[in-house]
Amino acid sequence: MKTAIFPGRILVLGCGSVSRCTLPLLLRHLQMPADRITVLDMMDCKHLISDAIAAGVRFVQEQIVQETMGKQLAAHVGSGDMIIDLAWNIGCLDLLSWCHDHGVLYINTSVELWNPYEEKERKEPTERTLYVRHMDVRALKRSWKEKGPTAILEHGANPGLVSHFTKTGLLDIAANVIRTKPDMVQREEIERAMSDQMFNHLAYLLGVRVIHISEIDTQVSSIAVPQDVFLNTWSVEGLYEEGTSPAELGWGTHERTLPIDACEHQNGAKNQICMKRFGIDTWVKSRVASREIEGMVVRHGEAFTISDALTVWEGDRAIYRPTVHYAYRPS
């Protein structure tokens, strides 16, 4: 079992499902005293992590608020420490800025706002997208005059781990192409892209047009489901906010016709489009390993990050980009 030494303190924001799955991994793979790990949640849910607390992990019941966030964070972490942000509706830009200015490592699973519903009805669909949030992150990064500690955004399982799966998939496709078509003209270019891990060029050379991040929930409840009740493993708040936001997808350079009700962005990378309808109302045909499915194009960070990372530029013109989006089938 691989372990790593971490000399600082860790503050875990949130004590939801993901947090409770993360804690055992921290205790297993990090060589550090458990009492240097603090879990902070606005609810008194320490009974849900009783094993971790028994091992020495600290629990604090407190709600992070915008006006006093800096003081609250400083009580638990400082330079050389780490924040693992697994909460919802805590402004990512403010957290990112504070960590940059105070030398604190930062990782999260989504780019959150303090209040994602603020003036929701008055905003255009493009203004309510993750794309805009990513543009704001880039603007913040450009404003920094000095480098700071490492920050990794939107790196949970999905978005996050699926980006590594995408790379592995491209390598698998390339290996199969080389094996089955040894005399192909682009063989050397493909091998070079594989060796150099230039995944955007690899996808371009392979002619990959569409990438679906497909997921199906197959769990069955042990209790009878009342009428008009939806049981699921997602965070209630997370699924509601993402599902009732405009559908978003990375838009490939091969696409010639925009979908009905589609909106294009006028600024930034322009690697995405969004729809004037909710993600839960936008369905596509896809497949998982076991079968074909119809899934919802619920907005997800990987639709931005993967399509952006796989873009091939020629000067300031994108000559290649695949279409990338989520396809989620609930139970």
Foldseek 3Di string as FASTA:
>chain_A
DAAEEQPAAEEEEDDDPQNLVVLVVCVVHYPDQLLSYEYEEQDPPVVSNVVSVVSRYHYYHDDQDDVCNLVVVVVRGFASEEYEYEDALDAPLVVVVSCFVGNYEYEYQAHHHNDLCVCVVVDALVVSAVVVSVVVVVVSVVPDPDGGHYYYYNDDVFPNVVLVVVLVVLVVLLVVCCVVPVPDPCNVVLVVCNVVVLQLVSCVVSVAAEDEAEDEDDDDDPDDADPPDDDAPDDPVVCVSQQAGWQKKFDKPVDDDDDPQKAFDDDDPRRMITGNGGQVVAWDWDADPVGIDIFTQRDGPCRVVVQVSNFDDDDSDTPTGHMYTYGYHYD
